[in-house]
Amino acid sequence: MEFCEHCNNLLLPDIKSDEPENWVYKCRVCGHTVPVEDSTVTTHRLMEPEGDTDAGLREKLVQGIVSCPYYTRHKSVCKNCSFHTMVLFQDKWGRYAEAMRFLDVCPRCSNVQHVDVETGE
């Protein structure tokens, strides 16, 4: 992370060219620019690696959701193991991307349940 030497605010990438030697960091507050010295690009791939099965990928996704402290936890009973707390998240991927669809994940058994928005169950 880069910070502005004039006002100490965060410098953000200001990429106006495909050529890495023309990339700069720019301060949104005072407009100060600094050339990018390290043009390393970091990529976070969300595609499954070779050899991963759908079940393995689903398990990784569920564990990531359960372990993330930013997802809402609420009182609801798991239909699989009767655990009393579920993790709620919105399904934005797959075939239901257009519809607002909520899912509950059980932290104990990783069971995924669909939530009916009308009834809350």
PDB file of N, CA and C in Angstrom:
ATOM      1  N   MET A   1       0.846  -1.171   0.000  1.00  0.00           N
ATOM      2  CA  MET A   1       0.000   0.000   0.000  1.00  0.00           C
ATOM      3  C   MET A   1       0.893   1.236   0.000  1.00  0.00           C
ATOM      4  N   GLU A   2       0.463   2.182  -0.771  1.00  0.00           N
ATOM      5  CA  GLU A   2       1.216   3.427  -0.899  1.00  0.00           C
ATOM      6  C   GLU A   2       0.407   4.572  -0.300  1.00  0.00           C
ATOM      7  N   PHE A   3       1.121   5.511   0.344  1.00  0.00           N
ATOM      8  CA  PHE A   3       0.461   6.659   0.946  1.00  0.00           C
ATOM      9  C   PHE A   3       1.051   7.950   0.398  1.00  0.00           C
ATOM     10  N   CYS A   4       0.225   8.973   0.309  1.00  0.00           N
ATOM     11  CA  CYS A   4       0.628  10.269  -0.230  1.00  0.00           C
ATOM     12  C   CYS A   4       1.627  10.935   0.712  1.00  0.00           C
ATOM     13  N   GLU A   5       2.718  11.440   0.149  1.00  0.00           N
ATOM     14  CA  GLU A   5       3.734  12.098   0.973  1.00  0.00           C
ATOM     15  C   GLU A   5       3.310  13.506   1.384  1.00  0.00           C
ATOM     16  N   HIS A   6       2.259  14.053   0.772  1.00  0.00           N
ATOM     17  CA  HIS A   6       1.788  15.395   1.107  1.00  0.00           C
ATOM     18  C   HIS A   6       0.693  15.379   2.169  1.00  0.00           C
ATOM     19  N   CYS A   7      -0.284  14.468   2.043  1.00  0.00           N
ATOM     20  CA  CYS A   7      -1.429  14.493   2.968  1.00  0.00           C
ATOM     21  C   CYS A   7      -1.662  13.157   3.680  1.00  0.00           C
ATOM     22  N   ASN A   8      -0.804  12.159   3.428  1.00  0.00           N
ATOM     23  CA  ASN A   8      -0.857  10.845   4.082  1.00  0.00           C
ATOM     24  C   ASN A   8      -2.118  10.041   3.793  1.00  0.00           C
ATOM     25  N   ASN A   9      -2.852  10.380   2.748  1.00  0.00           N
ATOM     26  CA  ASN A   9      -4.001   9.574   2.340  1.00  0.00           C
ATOM     27  C   ASN A   9      -3.531   8.440   1.438  1.00  0.00           C
ATOM     28  N   LEU A  10      -4.376   7.453   1.282  1.00  0.00           N
ATOM     29  CA  LEU A  10      -4.047   6.285   0.474  1.00  0.00           C
ATOM     30  C   LEU A  10      -3.954   6.662  -0.999  1.00  0.00           C
ATOM     31  N   LEU A  11      -2.883   6.207  -1.654  1.00  0.00           N
ATOM     32  CA  LEU A  11      -2.733   6.407  -3.091  1.00  0.00           C
ATOM     33  C   LEU A  11      -3.389   5.245  -3.810  1.00  0.00           C
ATOM     34  N   LEU A  12      -4.192   5.549  -4.815  1.00  0.00           N
ATOM     35  CA  LEU A  12      -4.911   4.524  -5.566  1.00  0.00           C
ATOM     36  C   LEU A  12      -4.358   4.430  -6.978  1.00  0.00           C
ATOM     37  N   PRO A  13      -4.406   3.249  -7.594  1.00  0.00           N
ATOM     38  CA  PRO A  13      -3.907   3.113  -8.964  1.00  0.00           C
ATOM     39  C   PRO A  13      -4.706   3.990  -9.926  1.00  0.00           C
ATOM     40  N   ASP A  14      -3.996   4.665 -10.811  1.00  0.00           N
ATOM     41  CA  ASP A  14      -4.610   5.490 -11.847  1.00  0.00           C
ATOM     42  C   ASP A  14      -4.023   5.012 -13.170  1.00  0.00           C
ATOM     43  N   ILE A  15      -4.639   3.975 -13.737  1.00  0.00           N
ATOM     44  CA  ILE A  15      -4.095   3.314 -14.919  1.00  0.00           C
ATOM     45  C   ILE A  15      -4.814   3.843 -16.149  1.00  0.00           C
ATOM     46  N   LYS A  16      -4.083   4.579 -16.971  1.00  0.00           N
ATOM     47  CA  LYS A  16      -4.663   5.125 -18.195  1.00  0.00           C
ATOM     48  C   LYS A  16      -4.022   4.522 -19.430  1.00  0.00           C
ATOM     49  N   SER A  17      -3.103   3.586 -19.226  1.00  0.00           N
ATOM     50  CA  SER A  17      -2.382   2.981 -20.339  1.00  0.00           C
ATOM     51  C   SER A  17      -2.176   1.499 -20.049  1.00  0.00           C
ATOM     52  N   ASP A  18      -2.035   0.700 -21.102  1.00  0.00           N
ATOM     53  CA  ASP A  18      -1.743  -0.720 -20.930  1.00  0.00           C
ATOM     54  C   ASP A  18      -0.270  -0.963 -20.629  1.00  0.00           C
ATOM     55  N   GLU A  19       0.555   0.043 -20.815  1.00  0.00           N
ATOM     56  CA  GLU A  19       1.993  -0.090 -20.592  1.00  0.00           C
ATOM     57  C   GLU A  19       2.315   0.131 -19.114  1.00  0.00           C
ATOM     58  N   PRO A  20       2.905  -0.868 -18.425  1.00  0.00           N
ATOM     59  CA  PRO A  20       3.204  -0.733 -16.991  1.00  0.00           C
ATOM     60  C   PRO A  20       4.105   0.451 -16.648  1.00  0.00           C
ATOM     61  N   GLU A  21       4.967   0.880 -17.569  1.00  0.00           N
ATOM     62  CA  GLU A  21       5.849   2.010 -17.251  1.00  0.00           C
ATOM     63  C   GLU A  21       5.093   3.338 -17.174  1.00  0.00           C
ATOM     64  N   ASN A  22       3.845   3.379 -17.628  1.00  0.00           N
ATOM     65  CA  ASN A  22       3.024   4.592 -17.563  1.00  0.00           C
ATOM     66  C   ASN A  22       2.031   4.588 -16.402  1.00  0.00           C
ATOM     67  N   TRP A  23       2.047   3.549 -15.574  1.00  0.00           N
ATOM     68  CA  TRP A  23       1.110   3.461 -14.461  1.00  0.00           C
ATOM     69  C   TRP A  23       1.556   4.382 -13.330  1.00  0.00           C
ATOM     70  N   VAL A  24       0.572   4.998 -12.651  1.00  0.00           N
ATOM     71  CA  VAL A  24       0.866   5.875 -11.514  1.00  0.00           C
ATOM     72  C   VAL A  24      -0.133   5.610 -10.395  1.00  0.00           C
ATOM     73  N   TYR A  25       0.275   5.968  -9.176  1.00  0.00           N
ATOM     74  CA  TYR A  25      -0.635   6.026  -8.041  1.00  0.00           C
ATOM     75  C   TYR A  25      -1.045   7.486  -7.893  1.00  0.00           C
ATOM     76  N   LYS A  26      -2.334   7.722  -7.610  1.00  0.00           N
ATOM     77  CA  LYS A  26      -2.828   9.090  -7.499  1.00  0.00           C
ATOM     78  C   LYS A  26      -3.619   9.253  -6.205  1.00  0.00           C
ATOM     79  N   CYS A  27      -3.398  10.379  -5.541  1.00  0.00           N
ATOM     80  CA  CYS A  27      -4.136  10.709  -4.324  1.00  0.00           C
ATOM     81  C   CYS A  27      -5.453  11.366  -4.723  1.00  0.00           C
ATOM     82  N   ARG A  28      -6.555  10.877  -4.191  1.00  0.00           N
ATOM     83  CA  ARG A  28      -7.867  11.456  -4.506  1.00  0.00           C
ATOM     84  C   ARG A  28      -8.101  12.786  -3.802  1.00  0.00           C
ATOM     85  N   VAL A  29      -7.339  13.040  -2.738  1.00  0.00           N
ATOM     86  CA  VAL A  29      -7.550  14.261  -1.964  1.00  0.00           C
ATOM     87  C   VAL A  29      -6.793  15.442  -2.562  1.00  0.00           C
ATOM     88  N   CYS A  30      -5.473  15.287  -2.742  1.00  0.00           N
ATOM     89  CA  CYS A  30      -4.677  16.425  -3.212  1.00  0.00           C
ATOM     90  C   CYS A  30      -4.229  16.292  -4.668  1.00  0.00           C
ATOM     91  N   GLY A  31      -4.418  15.121  -5.293  1.00  0.00           N
ATOM     92  CA  GLY A  31      -4.068  14.935  -6.694  1.00  0.00           C
ATOM     93  C   GLY A  31      -2.616  14.591  -6.953  1.00  0.00           C
ATOM     94  N   HIS A  32      -1.822  14.437  -5.898  1.00  0.00           N
ATOM     95  CA  HIS A  32      -0.404  14.087  -6.054  1.00  0.00           C
ATOM     96  C   HIS A  32      -0.281  12.711  -6.719  1.00  0.00           C
ATOM     97  N   THR A  33       0.655  12.578  -7.665  1.00  0.00           N
ATOM     98  CA  THR A  33       0.868  11.297  -8.342  1.00  0.00           C
ATOM     99  C   THR A  33       2.286  10.808  -8.114  1.00  0.00           C
ATOM    100  N   VAL A  34       2.431   9.487  -8.070  1.00  0.00           N
ATOM    101  CA  VAL A  34       3.724   8.828  -7.902  1.00  0.00           C
ATOM    102  C   VAL A  34       3.785   7.704  -8.921  1.00  0.00           C
ATOM    103  N   PRO A  35       4.880   7.594  -9.678  1.00  0.00           N
ATOM    104  CA  PRO A  35       4.993   6.480 -10.628  1.00  0.00           C
ATOM    105  C   PRO A  35       5.020   5.131  -9.905  1.00  0.00           C
ATOM    106  N   VAL A  36       4.417   4.138 -10.515  1.00  0.00           N
ATOM    107  CA  VAL A  36       4.423   2.789  -9.951  1.00  0.00           C
ATOM    108  C   VAL A  36       5.791   2.176 -10.216  1.00  0.00           C
ATOM    109  N   GLU A  37       6.467   1.765  -9.133  1.00  0.00           N
ATOM    110  CA  GLU A  37       7.795   1.169  -9.283  1.00  0.00           C
ATOM    111  C   GLU A  37       7.708  -0.336  -9.498  1.00  0.00           C
ATOM    112  N   ASP A  38       6.765  -0.969  -8.832  1.00  0.00           N
ATOM    113  CA  ASP A  38       6.608  -2.421  -8.951  1.00  0.00           C
ATOM    114  C   ASP A  38       5.288  -2.693  -9.660  1.00  0.00           C
ATOM    115  N   SER A  39       5.350  -3.162 -10.898  1.00  0.00           N
ATOM    116  CA  SER A  39       4.128  -3.378 -11.678  1.00  0.00           C
ATOM    117  C   SER A  39       3.624  -4.815 -11.580  1.00  0.00           C
ATOM    118  N   THR A  40       3.898  -5.466 -10.454  1.00  0.00           N
ATOM    119  CA  THR A  40       3.419  -6.821 -10.244  1.00  0.00           C
ATOM    120  C   THR A  40       1.901  -6.811 -10.119  1.00  0.00           C
ATOM    121  N   VAL A  41       1.252  -7.709 -10.821  1.00  0.00           N
ATOM    122  CA  VAL A  41      -0.201  -7.814 -10.773  1.00  0.00           C
ATOM    123  C   VAL A  41      -0.557  -9.083 -10.015  1.00  0.00           C
ATOM    124  N   THR A  42      -1.370  -8.940  -8.973  1.00  0.00           N
ATOM    125  CA  THR A  42      -1.808 -10.080  -8.187  1.00  0.00           C
ATOM    126  C   THR A  42      -3.213 -10.459  -8.630  1.00  0.00           C
ATOM    127  N   THR A  43      -3.422 -11.743  -8.874  1.00  0.00           N
ATOM    128  CA  THR A  43      -4.716 -12.229  -9.326  1.00  0.00           C
ATOM    129  C   THR A  43      -5.243 -13.253  -8.333  1.00  0.00           C
ATOM    130  N   HIS A  44      -6.516 -13.118  -7.965  1.00  0.00           N
ATOM    131  CA  HIS A  44      -7.169 -14.093  -7.100  1.00  0.00           C
ATOM    132  C   HIS A  44      -8.148 -14.871  -7.959  1.00  0.00           C
ATOM    133  N   ARG A  45      -7.821 -16.120  -8.245  1.00  0.00           N
ATOM    134  CA  ARG A  45      -8.663 -16.932  -9.117  1.00  0.00           C
ATOM    135  C   ARG A  45      -9.738 -17.639  -8.303  1.00  0.00           C
ATOM    136  N   LEU A  46     -10.953 -17.537  -8.785  1.00  0.00           N
ATOM    137  CA  LEU A  46     -12.067 -18.193  -8.124  1.00  0.00           C
ATOM    138  C   LEU A  46     -12.499 -19.454  -8.858  1.00  0.00           C
ATOM    139  N   MET A  47     -11.792 -19.801  -9.907  1.00  0.00           N
ATOM    140  CA  MET A  47     -12.094 -21.018 -10.652  1.00  0.00           C
ATOM    141  C   MET A  47     -11.488 -22.205  -9.914  1.00  0.00           C
ATOM    142  N   GLU A  48     -12.080 -23.367 -10.079  1.00  0.00           N
ATOM    143  CA  GLU A  48     -11.551 -24.536  -9.406  1.00  0.00           C
ATOM    144  C   GLU A  48     -10.269 -25.018 -10.081  1.00  0.00           C
ATOM    145  N   PRO A  49      -9.248 -25.371  -9.278  1.00  0.00           N
ATOM    146  CA  PRO A  49      -8.016 -25.897  -9.858  1.00  0.00           C
ATOM    147  C   PRO A  49      -8.224 -27.293 -10.423  1.00  0.00           C
ATOM    148  N   GLU A  50      -7.275 -27.718 -11.241  1.00  0.00           N
ATOM    149  CA  GLU A  50      -7.351 -29.054 -11.840  1.00  0.00           C
ATOM    150  C   GLU A  50      -7.462 -30.113 -10.748  1.00  0.00           C
ATOM    151  N   GLY A  51      -8.338 -31.057 -10.939  1.00  0.00           N
ATOM    152  CA  GLY A  51      -8.457 -32.172 -10.007  1.00  0.00           C
ATOM    153  C   GLY A  51      -9.450 -31.946  -8.883  1.00  0.00           C
ATOM    154  N   ASP A  52      -9.905 -30.709  -8.670  1.00  0.00           N
ATOM    155  CA  ASP A  52     -10.901 -30.465  -7.629  1.00  0.00           C
ATOM    156  C   ASP A  52     -12.261 -30.958  -8.104  1.00  0.00           C
ATOM    157  N   THR A  53     -12.979 -31.611  -7.229  1.00  0.00           N
ATOM    158  CA  THR A  53     -14.321 -32.066  -7.567  1.00  0.00           C
ATOM    159  C   THR A  53     -15.326 -30.992  -7.164  1.00  0.00           C
ATOM    160  N   ASP A  54     -16.541 -31.102  -7.653  1.00  0.00           N
ATOM    161  CA  ASP A  54     -17.587 -30.155  -7.263  1.00  0.00           C
ATOM    162  C   ASP A  54     -17.827 -30.201  -5.761  1.00  0.00           C
ATOM    163  N   ALA A  55     -17.798 -31.398  -5.189  1.00  0.00           N
ATOM    164  CA  ALA A  55     -18.015 -31.541  -3.750  1.00  0.00           C
ATOM    165  C   ALA A  55     -16.889 -30.875  -2.967  1.00  0.00           C
ATOM    166  N   GLY A  56     -15.659 -31.036  -3.421  1.00  0.00           N
ATOM    167  CA  GLY A  56     -14.518 -30.414  -2.751  1.00  0.00           C
ATOM    168  C   GLY A  56     -14.566 -28.903  -2.840  1.00  0.00           C
ATOM    169  N   LEU A  57     -14.953 -28.401  -4.004  1.00  0.00           N
ATOM    170  CA  LEU A  57     -15.064 -26.957  -4.197  1.00  0.00           C
ATOM    171  C   LEU A  57     -16.199 -26.397  -3.344  1.00  0.00           C
ATOM    172  N   ARG A  58     -17.318 -27.100  -3.288  1.00  0.00           N
ATOM    173  CA  ARG A  58     -18.449 -26.670  -2.464  1.00  0.00           C
ATOM    174  C   ARG A  58     -18.045 -26.625  -0.994  1.00  0.00           C
ATOM    175  N   GLU A  59     -17.292 -27.638  -0.549  1.00  0.00           N
ATOM    176  CA  GLU A  59     -16.850 -27.695   0.844  1.00  0.00           C
ATOM    177  C   GLU A  59     -15.935 -26.511   1.178  1.00  0.00           C
ATOM    178  N   LYS A  60     -15.034 -26.161   0.253  1.00  0.00           N
ATOM    179  CA  LYS A  60     -14.150 -25.010   0.473  1.00  0.00           C
ATOM    180  C   LYS A  60     -14.956 -23.720   0.560  1.00  0.00           C
ATOM    181  N   LEU A  61     -15.948 -23.579  -0.303  1.00  0.00           N
ATOM    182  CA  LEU A  61     -16.790 -22.392  -0.300  1.00  0.00           C
ATOM    183  C   LEU A  61     -17.574 -22.288   1.002  1.00  0.00           C
ATOM    184  N   VAL A  62     -18.169 -23.388   1.420  1.00  0.00           N
ATOM    185  CA  VAL A  62     -18.962 -23.407   2.649  1.00  0.00           C
ATOM    186  C   VAL A  62     -18.078 -23.089   3.851  1.00  0.00           C
ATOM    187  N   GLN A  63     -16.879 -23.677   3.924  1.00  0.00           N
ATOM    188  CA  GLN A  63     -15.987 -23.412   5.047  1.00  0.00           C
ATOM    189  C   GLN A  63     -15.538 -21.950   5.062  1.00  0.00           C
ATOM    190  N   GLY A  64     -15.342 -21.376   3.880  1.00  0.00           N
ATOM    191  CA  GLY A  64     -14.983 -19.963   3.812  1.00  0.00           C
ATOM    192  C   GLY A  64     -16.093 -19.069   4.324  1.00  0.00           C
ATOM    193  N   ILE A  65     -17.327 -19.405   3.994  1.00  0.00           N
ATOM    194  CA  ILE A  65     -18.477 -18.622   4.453  1.00  0.00           C
ATOM    195  C   ILE A  65     -18.645 -18.757   5.956  1.00  0.00           C
ATOM    196  N   VAL A  66     -18.532 -19.968   6.461  1.00  0.00           N
ATOM    197  CA  VAL A  66     -18.718 -20.220   7.887  1.00  0.00           C
ATOM    198  C   VAL A  66     -17.634 -19.530   8.709  1.00  0.00           C
ATOM    199  N   SER A  67     -16.399 -19.517   8.210  1.00  0.00           N
ATOM    200  CA  SER A  67     -15.299 -18.943   8.984  1.00  0.00           C
ATOM    201  C   SER A  67     -15.201 -17.423   8.869  1.00  0.00           C
ATOM    202  N   CYS A  68     -15.893 -16.818   7.919  1.00  0.00           N
ATOM    203  CA  CYS A  68     -15.827 -15.365   7.728  1.00  0.00           C
ATOM    204  C   CYS A  68     -16.691 -14.659   8.781  1.00  0.00           C
ATOM    205  N   PRO A  69     -16.118 -13.735   9.553  1.00  0.00           N
ATOM    206  CA  PRO A  69     -16.891 -13.071  10.607  1.00  0.00           C
ATOM    207  C   PRO A  69     -17.875 -12.028  10.084  1.00  0.00           C
ATOM    208  N   TYR A  70     -17.821 -11.692   8.799  1.00  0.00           N
ATOM    209  CA  TYR A  70     -18.670 -10.631   8.262  1.00  0.00           C
ATOM    210  C   TYR A  70     -20.054 -11.107   7.836  1.00  0.00           C
ATOM    211  N   TYR A  71     -20.249 -12.411   7.696  1.00  0.00           N
ATOM    212  CA  TYR A  71     -21.575 -12.915   7.351  1.00  0.00           C
ATOM    213  C   TYR A  71     -22.462 -12.911   8.589  1.00  0.00           C
ATOM    214  N   THR A  72     -23.742 -12.659   8.384  1.00  0.00           N
ATOM    215  CA  THR A  72     -24.704 -12.574   9.476  1.00  0.00           C
ATOM    216  C   THR A  72     -24.984 -13.946  10.061  1.00  0.00           C
ATOM    217  N   ARG A  73     -24.936 -14.016  11.380  1.00  0.00           N
ATOM    218  CA  ARG A  73     -25.328 -15.230  12.091  1.00  0.00           C
ATOM    219  C   ARG A  73     -26.660 -14.937  12.772  1.00  0.00           C
ATOM    220  N   HIS A  74     -27.553 -15.921  12.718  1.00  0.00           N
ATOM    221  CA  HIS A  74     -28.868 -15.702  13.313  1.00  0.00           C
ATOM    222  C   HIS A  74     -29.391 -17.004  13.886  1.00  0.00           C
ATOM    223  N   LYS A  75     -30.408 -16.863  14.725  1.00  0.00           N
ATOM    224  CA  LYS A  75     -31.015 -18.029  15.370  1.00  0.00           C
ATOM    225  C   LYS A  75     -31.936 -18.721  14.381  1.00  0.00           C
ATOM    226  N   SER A  76     -31.562 -19.918  14.006  1.00  0.00           N
ATOM    227  CA  SER A  76     -32.356 -20.755  13.120  1.00  0.00           C
ATOM    228  C   SER A  76     -31.877 -22.180  13.334  1.00  0.00           C
ATOM    229  N   VAL A  77     -32.738 -23.138  13.123  1.00  0.00           N
ATOM    230  CA  VAL A  77     -32.391 -24.531  13.391  1.00  0.00           C
ATOM    231  C   VAL A  77     -32.013 -25.235  12.097  1.00  0.00           C
ATOM    232  N   CYS A  78     -30.887 -25.932  12.123  1.00  0.00           N
ATOM    233  CA  CYS A  78     -30.440 -26.721  10.977  1.00  0.00           C
ATOM    234  C   CYS A  78     -31.336 -27.945  10.844  1.00  0.00           C
ATOM    235  N   LYS A  79     -31.808 -28.203   9.635  1.00  0.00           N
ATOM    236  CA  LYS A  79     -32.678 -29.358   9.395  1.00  0.00           C
ATOM    237  C   LYS A  79     -31.911 -30.668   9.414  1.00  0.00           C
ATOM    238  N   ASN A  80     -30.590 -30.595   9.322  1.00  0.00           N
ATOM    239  CA  ASN A  80     -29.770 -31.801   9.284  1.00  0.00           C
ATOM    240  C   ASN A  80     -29.307 -32.233  10.677  1.00  0.00           C
ATOM    241  N   CYS A  81     -28.783 -31.283  11.485  1.00  0.00           N
ATOM    242  CA  CYS A  81     -28.203 -31.662  12.781  1.00  0.00           C
ATOM    243  C   CYS A  81     -28.838 -30.939  13.966  1.00  0.00           C
ATOM    244  N   SER A  82     -29.843 -30.102  13.735  1.00  0.00           N
ATOM    245  CA  SER A  82     -30.572 -29.353  14.766  1.00  0.00           C
ATOM    246  C   SER A  82     -29.718 -28.320  15.495  1.00  0.00           C
ATOM    247  N   PHE A  83     -28.610 -27.894  14.898  1.00  0.00           N
ATOM    248  CA  PHE A  83     -27.801 -26.828  15.492  1.00  0.00           C
ATOM    249  C   PHE A  83     -28.615 -25.542  15.445  1.00  0.00           C
ATOM    250  N   HIS A  84     -28.460 -24.669  16.426  1.00  0.00           N
ATOM    251  CA  HIS A  84     -29.356 -23.529  16.599  1.00  0.00           C
ATOM    252  C   HIS A  84     -28.879 -22.209  15.989  1.00  0.00           C
ATOM    253  N   THR A  85     -27.705 -22.152  15.392  1.00  0.00           N
ATOM    254  CA  THR A  85     -27.204 -20.919  14.782  1.00  0.00           C
ATOM    255  C   THR A  85     -26.819 -21.187  13.335  1.00  0.00           C
ATOM    256  N   MET A  86     -27.242 -20.316  12.441  1.00  0.00           N
ATOM    257  CA  MET A  86     -26.932 -20.479  11.022  1.00  0.00           C
ATOM    258  C   MET A  86     -26.240 -19.222  10.508  1.00  0.00           C
ATOM    259  N   VAL A  87     -25.485 -19.382   9.414  1.00  0.00           N
ATOM    260  CA  VAL A  87     -24.816 -18.264   8.752  1.00  0.00           C
ATOM    261  C   VAL A  87     -25.614 -17.953   7.491  1.00  0.00           C
ATOM    262  N   LEU A  88     -26.055 -16.708   7.364  1.00  0.00           N
ATOM    263  CA  LEU A  88     -26.900 -16.286   6.252  1.00  0.00           C
ATOM    264  C   LEU A  88     -26.060 -15.570   5.201  1.00  0.00           C
ATOM    265  N   PHE A  89     -26.261 -15.920   3.934  1.00  0.00           N
ATOM    266  CA  PHE A  89     -25.609 -15.177   2.859  1.00  0.00           C
ATOM    267  C   PHE A  89     -26.490 -15.188   1.631  1.00  0.00           C
ATOM    268  N   GLN A  90     -26.225 -14.232   0.731  1.00  0.00           N
ATOM    269  CA  GLN A  90     -26.997 -14.114  -0.504  1.00  0.00           C
ATOM    270  C   GLN A  90     -26.275 -14.857  -1.607  1.00  0.00           C
ATOM    271  N   ASP A  91     -26.997 -15.716  -2.294  1.00  0.00           N
ATOM    272  CA  ASP A  91     -26.448 -16.468  -3.419  1.00  0.00           C
ATOM    273  C   ASP A  91     -26.468 -15.562  -4.643  1.00  0.00           C
ATOM    274  N   LYS A  92     -25.287 -15.096  -5.072  1.00  0.00           N
ATOM    275  CA  LYS A  92     -25.197 -14.187  -6.217  1.00  0.00           C
ATOM    276  C   LYS A  92     -24.628 -14.882  -7.442  1.00  0.00           C
ATOM    277  N   TRP A  93     -24.322 -16.166  -7.333  1.00  0.00           N
ATOM    278  CA  TRP A  93     -23.667 -16.873  -8.420  1.00  0.00           C
ATOM    279  C   TRP A  93     -24.559 -17.981  -8.951  1.00  0.00           C
ATOM    280  N   GLY A  94     -24.134 -18.533 -10.051  1.00  0.00           N
ATOM    281  CA  GLY A  94     -24.825 -19.694 -10.598  1.00  0.00           C
ATOM    282  C   GLY A  94     -26.101 -19.325 -11.315  1.00  0.00           C
ATOM    283  N   ARG A  95     -27.000 -20.268 -11.350  1.00  0.00           N
ATOM    284  CA  ARG A  95     -28.210 -20.094 -12.156  1.00  0.00           C
ATOM    285  C   ARG A  95     -29.231 -19.162 -11.512  1.00  0.00           C
ATOM    286  N   TYR A  96     -29.021 -18.793 -10.253  1.00  0.00           N
ATOM    287  CA  TYR A  96     -29.973 -17.926  -9.566  1.00  0.00           C
ATOM    288  C   TYR A  96     -29.449 -16.497  -9.444  1.00  0.00           C
ATOM    289  N   ALA A  97     -28.534 -16.087 -10.303  1.00  0.00           N
ATOM    290  CA  ALA A  97     -27.895 -14.775 -10.191  1.00  0.00           C
ATOM    291  C   ALA A  97     -28.899 -13.633 -10.328  1.00  0.00           C
ATOM    292  N   GLU A  98     -29.956 -13.816 -11.107  1.00  0.00           N
ATOM    293  CA  GLU A  98     -30.914 -12.739 -11.312  1.00  0.00           C
ATOM    294  C   GLU A  98     -31.867 -12.593 -10.132  1.00  0.00           C
ATOM    295  N   ALA A  99     -32.179 -13.674  -9.464  1.00  0.00           N
ATOM    296  CA  ALA A  99     -33.129 -13.642  -8.357  1.00  0.00           C
ATOM    297  C   ALA A  99     -32.391 -13.400  -7.041  1.00  0.00           C
ATOM    298  N   MET A 100     -33.041 -12.687  -6.120  1.00  0.00           N
ATOM    299  CA  MET A 100     -32.461 -12.520  -4.798  1.00  0.00           C
ATOM    300  C   MET A 100     -32.763 -13.781  -4.009  1.00  0.00           C
ATOM    301  N   ARG A 101     -31.745 -14.550  -3.735  1.00  0.00           N
ATOM    302  CA  ARG A 101     -31.914 -15.840  -3.093  1.00  0.00           C
ATOM    303  C   ARG A 101     -30.977 -15.911  -1.897  1.00  0.00           C
ATOM    304  N   PHE A 102     -31.510 -16.282  -0.748  1.00  0.00           N
ATOM    305  CA  PHE A 102     -30.708 -16.371   0.461  1.00  0.00           C
ATOM    306  C   PHE A 102     -30.514 -17.825   0.857  1.00  0.00           C
ATOM    307  N   LEU A 103     -29.339 -18.106   1.403  1.00  0.00           N
ATOM    308  CA  LEU A 103     -29.000 -19.448   1.845  1.00  0.00           C
ATOM    309  C   LEU A 103     -28.508 -19.392   3.283  1.00  0.00           C
ATOM    310  N   ASP A 104     -28.820 -20.431   4.051  1.00  0.00           N
ATOM    311  CA  ASP A 104     -28.305 -20.620   5.401  1.00  0.00           C
ATOM    312  C   ASP A 104     -27.289 -21.741   5.366  1.00  0.00           C
ATOM    313  N   VAL A 105     -26.163 -21.552   6.052  1.00  0.00           N
ATOM    314  CA  VAL A 105     -25.147 -22.593   6.155  1.00  0.00           C
ATOM    315  C   VAL A 105     -24.972 -22.922   7.626  1.00  0.00           C
ATOM    316  N   CYS A 106     -24.983 -24.197   7.935  1.00  0.00           N
ATOM    317  CA  CYS A 106     -24.790 -24.646   9.306  1.00  0.00           C
ATOM    318  C   CYS A 106     -23.287 -24.724   9.607  1.00  0.00           C
ATOM    319  N   PRO A 107     -22.813 -24.030  10.650  1.00  0.00           N
ATOM    320  CA  PRO A 107     -21.393 -24.092  10.984  1.00  0.00           C
ATOM    321  C   PRO A 107     -20.947 -25.460  11.489  1.00  0.00           C
ATOM    322  N   ARG A 108     -21.870 -26.255  12.000  1.00  0.00           N
ATOM    323  CA  ARG A 108     -21.500 -27.553  12.554  1.00  0.00           C
ATOM    324  C   ARG A 108     -21.378 -28.626  11.472  1.00  0.00           C
ATOM    325  N   CYS A 109     -22.386 -28.768  10.607  1.00  0.00           N
ATOM    326  CA  CYS A 109     -22.387 -29.873   9.639  1.00  0.00           C
ATOM    327  C   CYS A 109     -22.239 -29.414   8.189  1.00  0.00           C
ATOM    328  N   SER A 110     -22.129 -28.103   7.956  1.00  0.00           N
ATOM    329  CA  SER A 110     -21.969 -27.513   6.616  1.00  0.00           C
ATOM    330  C   SER A 110     -23.173 -27.744   5.708  1.00  0.00           C
ATOM    331  N   ASN A 111     -24.325 -28.014   6.288  1.00  0.00           N
ATOM    332  CA  ASN A 111     -25.545 -28.178   5.508  1.00  0.00           C
ATOM    333  C   ASN A 111     -25.982 -26.819   4.959  1.00  0.00           C
ATOM    334  N   VAL A 112     -26.392 -26.793   3.696  1.00  0.00           N
ATOM    335  CA  VAL A 112     -26.862 -25.562   3.063  1.00  0.00           C
ATOM    336  C   VAL A 112     -28.370 -25.662   2.886  1.00  0.00           C
ATOM    337  N   GLN A 113     -29.089 -24.661   3.399  1.00  0.00           N
ATOM    338  CA  GLN A 113     -30.545 -24.624   3.303  1.00  0.00           C
ATOM    339  C   GLN A 113     -30.963 -23.353   2.584  1.00  0.00           C
ATOM    340  N   HIS A 114     -31.999 -23.451   1.781  1.00  0.00           N
ATOM    341  CA  HIS A 114     -32.553 -22.276   1.117  1.00  0.00           C
ATOM    342  C   HIS A 114     -33.476 -21.564   2.093  1.00  0.00           C
ATOM    343  N   VAL A 115     -33.442 -20.238   2.073  1.00  0.00           N
ATOM    344  CA  VAL A 115     -34.273 -19.436   2.968  1.00  0.00           C
ATOM    345  C   VAL A 115     -35.389 -18.808   2.152  1.00  0.00           C
ATOM    346  N   ASP A 116     -36.625 -19.017   2.590  1.00  0.00           N
ATOM    347  CA  ASP A 116     -37.776 -18.381   1.957  1.00  0.00           C
ATOM    348  C   ASP A 116     -37.888 -16.970   2.531  1.00  0.00           C
ATOM    349  N   VAL A 117     -37.735 -15.964   1.687  1.00  0.00           N
ATOM    350  CA  VAL A 117     -37.738 -14.575   2.139  1.00  0.00           C
ATOM    351  C   VAL A 117     -39.088 -14.194   2.741  1.00  0.00           C
ATOM    352  N   GLU A 118     -40.160 -14.753   2.228  1.00  0.00           N
ATOM    353  CA  GLU A 118     -41.507 -14.435   2.719  1.00  0.00           C
ATOM    354  C   GLU A 118     -41.695 -14.884   4.163  1.00  0.00           C
ATOM    355  N   THR A 119     -41.326 -16.134   4.469  1.00  0.00           N
ATOM    356  CA  THR A 119     -41.563 -16.686   5.802  1.00  0.00           C
ATOM    357  C   THR A 119     -40.337 -16.620   6.696  1.00  0.00           C
ATOM    358  N   GLY A 120     -39.139 -16.443   6.115  1.00  0.00           N
ATOM    359  CA  GLY A 120     -37.909 -16.431   6.898  1.00  0.00           C
ATOM    360  C   GLY A 120     -37.419 -17.811   7.262  1.00  0.00           C
ATOM    361  N   GLU A 121     -38.008 -18.851   6.691  1.00  0.00           N
ATOM    362  CA  GLU A 121     -37.600 -20.228   7.004  1.00  0.00           C
ATOM    363  C   GLU A 121     -36.934 -20.876   5.817  1.00  0.00           C
TER     364      GLU A 121
END
